[in-house]
Amino acid sequence: MKRLALAIAALAFLGGCADMADSVSKVAGLGVVTRERSTFDNATVIAMSPAHLYAEGSWGNAVRLGARWSSASPDSVALILAYESNVASGTAYIGLKSLQINIDGEISSFAVGAPTDLSSSSYNTVSKTIYTSSKNAVVIPYPLLKRMVAAKDTRLRIHTSKGYEDSQFSIERIPGGQGTAILSMKEFTESVDSVRSKKGA
């Protein structure tokens, strides 16, 4: 009985840690799902800010994953690849080139449609740091994203100008409880599905 009580207490503690980690991530702008109306074409736009991906044997990937969907193009979705770096001097950009998706052994490849957007802040004299970022996107069929989220084993390979990074997309939390992109992507697809169902898409 005592062991059962300890196990329940441990689970409650871990659940509380996960909730706290999720709250901190949202405050930091990671994996936040938003919905708005386009002022240009009146389309419904649903977006998910980039969130961490899990890489086996490490805390997480350097490149984060987000998404953007518009009711104007309901059958496709843009997956956002984002990289940020803090460097003491010079610049530290990477080009984001393509994304491979492995769903239960079935691999699909998608190239970015435009050059990587590179930006940097001014030199911070206090931290002696230049903050740099790289961002790009691949467009995939929306049903494929649904399969990514629902599959037992989805893995990603992100190709950059400095090689590639592999991630296990299906892993919901990294060691320590920090949530990964799939948790927010589930919320994202639920929001998209609610709009698609109303429009009969």
C-alpha atoms as a PDB file:
ATOM      1  CA  MET A   1       0.000   0.000   0.000  1.00  0.00           C
ATOM      2  CA  LYS A   2       2.859   2.341   0.869  1.00  0.00           C
ATOM      3  CA  ARG A   3       4.536   1.623  -2.477  1.00  0.00           C
ATOM      4  CA  LEU A   4       1.301   2.395  -4.325  1.00  0.00           C
ATOM      5  CA  ALA A   5       0.968   5.701  -2.475  1.00  0.00           C
ATOM      6  CA  LEU A   6       4.570   6.600  -3.335  1.00  0.00           C
ATOM      7  CA  ALA A   7       4.003   5.702  -6.996  1.00  0.00           C
ATOM      8  CA  ILE A   8       0.870   7.866  -7.147  1.00  0.00           C
ATOM      9  CA  ALA A   9       2.703  10.748  -5.478  1.00  0.00           C
ATOM     10  CA  ALA A  10       5.590  10.414  -7.938  1.00  0.00           C
ATOM     11  CA  LEU A  11       3.212  10.442 -10.907  1.00  0.00           C
ATOM     12  CA  ALA A  12       1.425  13.501  -9.556  1.00  0.00           C
ATOM     13  CA  PHE A  13       4.760  15.247  -9.083  1.00  0.00           C
ATOM     14  CA  LEU A  14       5.886  14.407 -12.616  1.00  0.00           C
ATOM     15  CA  GLY A  15       2.538  15.537 -13.981  1.00  0.00           C
ATOM     16  CA  GLY A  16       2.928  18.829 -12.133  1.00  0.00           C
ATOM     17  CA  CYS A  17       6.446  19.259 -13.525  1.00  0.00           C
ATOM     18  CA  ALA A  18       5.182  18.606 -17.060  1.00  0.00           C
ATOM     19  CA  ASP A  19       2.380  21.155 -16.624  1.00  0.00           C
ATOM     20  CA  MET A  20       4.861  23.725 -15.343  1.00  0.00           C
ATOM     21  CA  ALA A  21       7.252  23.027 -18.244  1.00  0.00           C
ATOM     22  CA  ASP A  22       4.370  23.455 -20.713  1.00  0.00           C
ATOM     23  CA  SER A  23       3.356  26.747 -19.122  1.00  0.00           C
ATOM     24  CA  VAL A  24       6.927  28.064 -19.258  1.00  0.00           C
ATOM     25  CA  SER A  25       7.181  27.048 -22.932  1.00  0.00           C
ATOM     26  CA  LYS A  26       3.984  28.937 -23.796  1.00  0.00           C
ATOM     27  CA  VAL A  27       5.224  32.046 -21.977  1.00  0.00           C
ATOM     28  CA  ALA A  28       8.473  31.748 -23.962  1.00  0.00           C
ATOM     29  CA  GLY A  29       6.446  31.620 -27.190  1.00  0.00           C
ATOM     30  CA  LEU A  30       7.223  27.968 -27.978  1.00  0.00           C
ATOM     31  CA  GLY A  31       4.462  25.936 -29.618  1.00  0.00           C
ATOM     32  CA  VAL A  32       1.785  28.606 -29.254  1.00  0.00           C
ATOM     33  CA  VAL A  33      -1.233  27.989 -31.505  1.00  0.00           C
ATOM     34  CA  THR A  34      -3.053  31.090 -32.779  1.00  0.00           C
ATOM     35  CA  ARG A  35      -6.040  31.692 -35.042  1.00  0.00           C
ATOM     36  CA  GLU A  36      -6.802  34.884 -36.939  1.00  0.00           C
ATOM     37  CA  ARG A  37      -8.708  36.235 -39.919  1.00  0.00           C
ATOM     38  CA  SER A  38      -6.683  37.476 -42.893  1.00  0.00           C
ATOM     39  CA  THR A  39      -7.358  41.127 -43.692  1.00  0.00           C
ATOM     40  CA  PHE A  40      -6.401  40.417 -47.320  1.00  0.00           C
ATOM     41  CA  ASP A  41      -8.671  37.555 -48.398  1.00  0.00           C
ATOM     42  CA  ASN A  42     -10.776  36.879 -45.279  1.00  0.00           C
ATOM     43  CA  ALA A  43      -9.216  33.435 -44.931  1.00  0.00           C
ATOM     44  CA  THR A  44      -8.843  31.778 -41.544  1.00  0.00           C
ATOM     45  CA  VAL A  45      -5.153  31.423 -40.702  1.00  0.00           C
ATOM     46  CA  ILE A  46      -3.990  29.032 -37.986  1.00  0.00           C
ATOM     47  CA  ALA A  47      -0.355  29.105 -36.920  1.00  0.00           C
ATOM     48  CA  MET A  48       1.870  27.305 -34.440  1.00  0.00           C
ATOM     49  CA  SER A  49       5.072  29.003 -33.317  1.00  0.00           C
ATOM     50  CA  PRO A  50       8.178  26.783 -33.633  1.00  0.00           C
ATOM     51  CA  ALA A  51       8.736  24.336 -30.781  1.00  0.00           C
ATOM     52  CA  HIS A  52      11.547  21.968 -29.817  1.00  0.00           C
ATOM     53  CA  LEU A  53      12.087  18.564 -31.399  1.00  0.00           C
ATOM     54  CA  TYR A  54      13.556  15.592 -29.558  1.00  0.00           C
ATOM     55  CA  ALA A  55      16.881  14.197 -30.732  1.00  0.00           C
ATOM     56  CA  GLU A  56      17.935  10.883 -29.225  1.00  0.00           C
ATOM     57  CA  GLY A  57      20.942  11.229 -26.965  1.00  0.00           C
ATOM     58  CA  SER A  58      20.661  15.002 -26.605  1.00  0.00           C
ATOM     59  CA  TRP A  59      18.413  17.651 -25.066  1.00  0.00           C
ATOM     60  CA  GLY A  60      16.895  18.571 -28.412  1.00  0.00           C
ATOM     61  CA  ASN A  61      17.499  19.699 -31.975  1.00  0.00           C
ATOM     62  CA  ALA A  62      18.929  23.105 -32.827  1.00  0.00           C
ATOM     63  CA  VAL A  63      16.167  23.541 -35.430  1.00  0.00           C
ATOM     64  CA  ARG A  64      12.617  23.929 -34.124  1.00  0.00           C
ATOM     65  CA  LEU A  65       9.348  23.082 -35.919  1.00  0.00           C
ATOM     66  CA  GLY A  66       6.223  25.187 -36.359  1.00  0.00           C
ATOM     67  CA  ALA A  67       3.310  25.292 -38.809  1.00  0.00           C
ATOM     68  CA  ARG A  68       0.967  27.606 -40.710  1.00  0.00           C
ATOM     69  CA  TRP A  69      -2.336  26.753 -42.442  1.00  0.00           C
ATOM     70  CA  SER A  70      -4.820  28.902 -44.358  1.00  0.00           C
ATOM     71  CA  SER A  71      -8.393  28.106 -45.316  1.00  0.00           C
ATOM     72  CA  ALA A  72      -7.526  29.628 -48.721  1.00  0.00           C
ATOM     73  CA  SER A  73      -5.382  26.501 -49.362  1.00  0.00           C
ATOM     74  CA  PRO A  74      -7.004  23.919 -47.087  1.00  0.00           C
ATOM     75  CA  ASP A  75      -5.284  20.842 -48.507  1.00  0.00           C
ATOM     76  CA  SER A  76      -1.726  21.944 -47.724  1.00  0.00           C
ATOM     77  CA  VAL A  77       0.210  23.203 -44.732  1.00  0.00           C
ATOM     78  CA  ALA A  78       3.556  24.968 -44.357  1.00  0.00           C
ATOM     79  CA  LEU A  79       5.928  23.437 -41.831  1.00  0.00           C
ATOM     80  CA  ILE A  80       8.153  26.173 -40.436  1.00  0.00           C
ATOM     81  CA  LEU A  81      11.821  25.410 -39.748  1.00  0.00           C
ATOM     82  CA  ALA A  82      13.451  27.872 -37.352  1.00  0.00           C
ATOM     83  CA  TYR A  83      16.966  28.176 -35.975  1.00  0.00           C
ATOM     84  CA  GLU A  84      18.227  30.761 -33.492  1.00  0.00           C
ATOM     85  CA  SER A  85      21.715  31.286 -32.147  1.00  0.00           C
ATOM     86  CA  ASN A  86      23.484  33.470 -29.629  1.00  0.00           C
ATOM     87  CA  VAL A  87      27.086  34.175 -30.557  1.00  0.00           C
ATOM     88  CA  ALA A  88      29.734  36.252 -28.836  1.00  0.00           C
ATOM     89  CA  SER A  89      31.092  37.644 -32.109  1.00  0.00           C
ATOM     90  CA  GLY A  90      30.501  37.385 -35.845  1.00  0.00           C
ATOM     91  CA  THR A  91      27.413  35.620 -37.148  1.00  0.00           C
ATOM     92  CA  ALA A  92      26.116  32.073 -36.886  1.00  0.00           C
ATOM     93  CA  TYR A  93      23.558  31.400 -39.578  1.00  0.00           C
ATOM     94  CA  ILE A  94      22.560  28.109 -41.153  1.00  0.00           C
ATOM     95  CA  GLY A  95      20.668  27.614 -44.389  1.00  0.00           C
ATOM     96  CA  LEU A  96      17.551  25.456 -44.092  1.00  0.00           C
ATOM     97  CA  LYS A  97      17.265  23.300 -47.206  1.00  0.00           C
ATOM     98  CA  SER A  98      14.792  20.432 -46.948  1.00  0.00           C
ATOM     99  CA  LEU A  99      12.820  18.092 -44.727  1.00  0.00           C
ATOM    100  CA  GLN A 100      12.458  14.326 -44.903  1.00  0.00           C
ATOM    101  CA  ILE A 101       9.548  12.689 -43.096  1.00  0.00           C
ATOM    102  CA  ASN A 102       9.692   9.014 -42.108  1.00  0.00           C
ATOM    103  CA  ILE A 103       6.281   7.676 -41.068  1.00  0.00           C
ATOM    104  CA  ASP A 104       6.538   4.062 -39.914  1.00  0.00           C
ATOM    105  CA  GLY A 105       9.266   3.449 -42.514  1.00  0.00           C
ATOM    106  CA  GLU A 106       7.654   5.349 -45.417  1.00  0.00           C
ATOM    107  CA  ILE A 107       9.862   8.318 -46.353  1.00  0.00           C
ATOM    108  CA  SER A 108       8.762  11.522 -48.116  1.00  0.00           C
ATOM    109  CA  SER A 109      11.070  14.418 -49.044  1.00  0.00           C
ATOM    110  CA  PHE A 110      10.259  18.116 -49.388  1.00  0.00           C
ATOM    111  CA  ALA A 111      12.538  20.980 -50.417  1.00  0.00           C
ATOM    112  CA  VAL A 112      12.103  24.558 -49.226  1.00  0.00           C
ATOM    113  CA  GLY A 113      10.509  26.886 -51.769  1.00  0.00           C
ATOM    114  CA  ALA A 114      12.624  29.988 -51.178  1.00  0.00           C
ATOM    115  CA  PRO A 115      16.018  31.073 -49.832  1.00  0.00           C
ATOM    116  CA  THR A 116      16.371  30.936 -46.045  1.00  0.00           C
ATOM    117  CA  ASP A 117      15.359  34.145 -44.289  1.00  0.00           C
ATOM    118  CA  LEU A 118      18.394  35.262 -42.278  1.00  0.00           C
ATOM    119  CA  SER A 119      18.238  38.028 -39.711  1.00  0.00           C
ATOM    120  CA  SER A 120      20.252  39.368 -36.797  1.00  0.00           C
ATOM    121  CA  SER A 121      19.849  41.855 -33.996  1.00  0.00           C
ATOM    122  CA  SER A 122      22.353  44.585 -33.296  1.00  0.00           C
ATOM    123  CA  TYR A 123      25.333  43.881 -31.082  1.00  0.00           C
ATOM    124  CA  ASN A 124      24.331  43.762 -27.426  1.00  0.00           C
ATOM    125  CA  THR A 125      27.047  45.601 -25.461  1.00  0.00           C
ATOM    126  CA  VAL A 126      25.855  44.147 -22.149  1.00  0.00           C
ATOM    127  CA  SER A 127      25.872  40.460 -23.060  1.00  0.00           C
ATOM    128  CA  LYS A 128      28.441  40.997 -25.831  1.00  0.00           C
ATOM    129  CA  THR A 129      26.249  38.887 -28.081  1.00  0.00           C
ATOM    130  CA  ILE A 130      24.776  39.060 -31.551  1.00  0.00           C
ATOM    131  CA  TYR A 131      21.470  37.201 -31.833  1.00  0.00           C
ATOM    132  CA  THR A 132      20.917  35.539 -35.198  1.00  0.00           C
ATOM    133  CA  SER A 133      18.063  33.554 -36.679  1.00  0.00           C
ATOM    134  CA  SER A 134      17.284  31.485 -39.775  1.00  0.00           C
ATOM    135  CA  LYS A 135      13.777  30.593 -40.933  1.00  0.00           C
ATOM    136  CA  ASN A 136      12.296  28.709 -43.879  1.00  0.00           C
ATOM    137  CA  ALA A 137       9.358  26.463 -44.716  1.00  0.00           C
ATOM    138  CA  VAL A 138       8.359  23.380 -46.652  1.00  0.00           C
ATOM    139  CA  VAL A 139       4.818  22.882 -47.927  1.00  0.00           C
ATOM    140  CA  ILE A 140       3.333  19.411 -47.488  1.00  0.00           C
ATOM    141  CA  PRO A 141      -0.140  17.915 -48.005  1.00  0.00           C
ATOM    142  CA  TYR A 142      -2.276  18.444 -44.917  1.00  0.00           C
ATOM    143  CA  PRO A 143      -3.283  14.742 -44.770  1.00  0.00           C
ATOM    144  CA  LEU A 144       0.419  13.901 -44.445  1.00  0.00           C
ATOM    145  CA  LEU A 145       0.693  16.115 -41.368  1.00  0.00           C
ATOM    146  CA  LYS A 146      -2.278  14.270 -39.885  1.00  0.00           C
ATOM    147  CA  ARG A 147      -0.469  10.993 -40.491  1.00  0.00           C
ATOM    148  CA  MET A 148       2.691  12.397 -38.889  1.00  0.00           C
ATOM    149  CA  VAL A 149       0.798  13.270 -35.737  1.00  0.00           C
ATOM    150  CA  ALA A 150      -1.189  10.018 -35.530  1.00  0.00           C
ATOM    151  CA  ALA A 151       1.598   7.562 -36.402  1.00  0.00           C
ATOM    152  CA  LYS A 152       3.285   5.400 -33.803  1.00  0.00           C
ATOM    153  CA  ASP A 153       6.749   6.282 -35.119  1.00  0.00           C
ATOM    154  CA  THR A 154       7.410   9.492 -37.065  1.00  0.00           C
ATOM    155  CA  ARG A 155      10.982  10.690 -37.549  1.00  0.00           C
ATOM    156  CA  LEU A 156      12.282  13.811 -39.232  1.00  0.00           C
ATOM    157  CA  ARG A 157      15.557  14.639 -40.960  1.00  0.00           C
ATOM    158  CA  ILE A 158      16.170  18.371 -41.397  1.00  0.00           C
ATOM    159  CA  HIS A 159      18.809  19.186 -44.008  1.00  0.00           C
ATOM    160  CA  THR A 160      20.792  22.378 -43.437  1.00  0.00           C
ATOM    161  CA  SER A 161      23.856  24.064 -44.899  1.00  0.00           C
ATOM    162  CA  LYS A 162      25.859  22.361 -42.129  1.00  0.00           C
ATOM    163  CA  GLY A 163      24.603  18.817 -42.582  1.00  0.00           C
ATOM    164  CA  TYR A 164      21.407  17.413 -41.120  1.00  0.00           C
ATOM    165  CA  GLU A 165      19.617  16.796 -37.851  1.00  0.00           C
ATOM    166  CA  ASP A 166      17.449  13.784 -37.044  1.00  0.00           C
ATOM    167  CA  SER A 167      14.580  13.942 -34.598  1.00  0.00           C
ATOM    168  CA  GLN A 168      11.998  11.559 -33.191  1.00  0.00           C
ATOM    169  CA  PHE A 169       8.835  13.571 -33.790  1.00  0.00           C
ATOM    170  CA  SER A 170       6.594  11.032 -32.012  1.00  0.00           C
ATOM    171  CA  ILE A 171       8.348  11.521 -28.660  1.00  0.00           C
ATOM    172  CA  GLU A 172       6.146  13.920 -26.681  1.00  0.00           C
ATOM    173  CA  ARG A 173       8.623  14.880 -23.973  1.00  0.00           C
ATOM    174  CA  ILE A 174      12.358  15.064 -23.639  1.00  0.00           C
ATOM    175  CA  PRO A 175      14.008  13.797 -20.445  1.00  0.00           C
ATOM    176  CA  GLY A 176      13.087  16.248 -17.701  1.00  0.00           C
ATOM    177  CA  GLY A 177       9.520  16.771 -18.898  1.00  0.00           C
ATOM    178  CA  GLN A 178       9.901  19.502 -21.525  1.00  0.00           C
ATOM    179  CA  GLY A 179       7.192  19.059 -24.154  1.00  0.00           C
ATOM    180  CA  THR A 180       8.099  18.710 -27.831  1.00  0.00           C
ATOM    181  CA  ALA A 181       6.533  20.002 -31.042  1.00  0.00           C
ATOM    182  CA  ILE A 182       4.098  17.102 -31.414  1.00  0.00           C
ATOM    183  CA  LEU A 183       2.059  18.237 -28.401  1.00  0.00           C
ATOM    184  CA  SER A 184       1.393  21.653 -29.936  1.00  0.00           C
ATOM    185  CA  MET A 185       0.973  20.092 -33.387  1.00  0.00           C
ATOM    186  CA  LYS A 186      -1.908  18.014 -32.035  1.00  0.00           C
ATOM    187  CA  GLU A 187      -3.579  21.215 -30.827  1.00  0.00           C
ATOM    188  CA  PHE A 188      -2.812  22.814 -34.198  1.00  0.00           C
ATOM    189  CA  THR A 189      -4.400  20.000 -36.244  1.00  0.00           C
ATOM    190  CA  GLU A 190      -7.470  19.943 -33.994  1.00  0.00           C
ATOM    191  CA  SER A 191      -7.953  23.651 -34.647  1.00  0.00           C
ATOM    192  CA  VAL A 192      -7.472  23.200 -38.397  1.00  0.00           C
ATOM    193  CA  ASP A 193      -9.864  20.236 -38.467  1.00  0.00           C
ATOM    194  CA  SER A 194     -12.572  22.276 -36.773  1.00  0.00           C
ATOM    195  CA  VAL A 195     -12.367  24.906 -39.546  1.00  0.00           C
ATOM    196  CA  ARG A 196     -12.143  22.312 -42.326  1.00  0.00           C
ATOM    197  CA  SER A 197     -15.205  20.456 -41.027  1.00  0.00           C
ATOM    198  CA  LYS A 198     -17.275  23.640 -41.021  1.00  0.00           C
ATOM    199  CA  LYS A 199     -16.244  24.365 -44.616  1.00  0.00           C
ATOM    200  CA  GLY A 200     -16.674  20.751 -45.706  1.00  0.00           C
ATOM    201  CA  ALA A 201     -13.023  20.531 -46.732  1.00  0.00           C
END
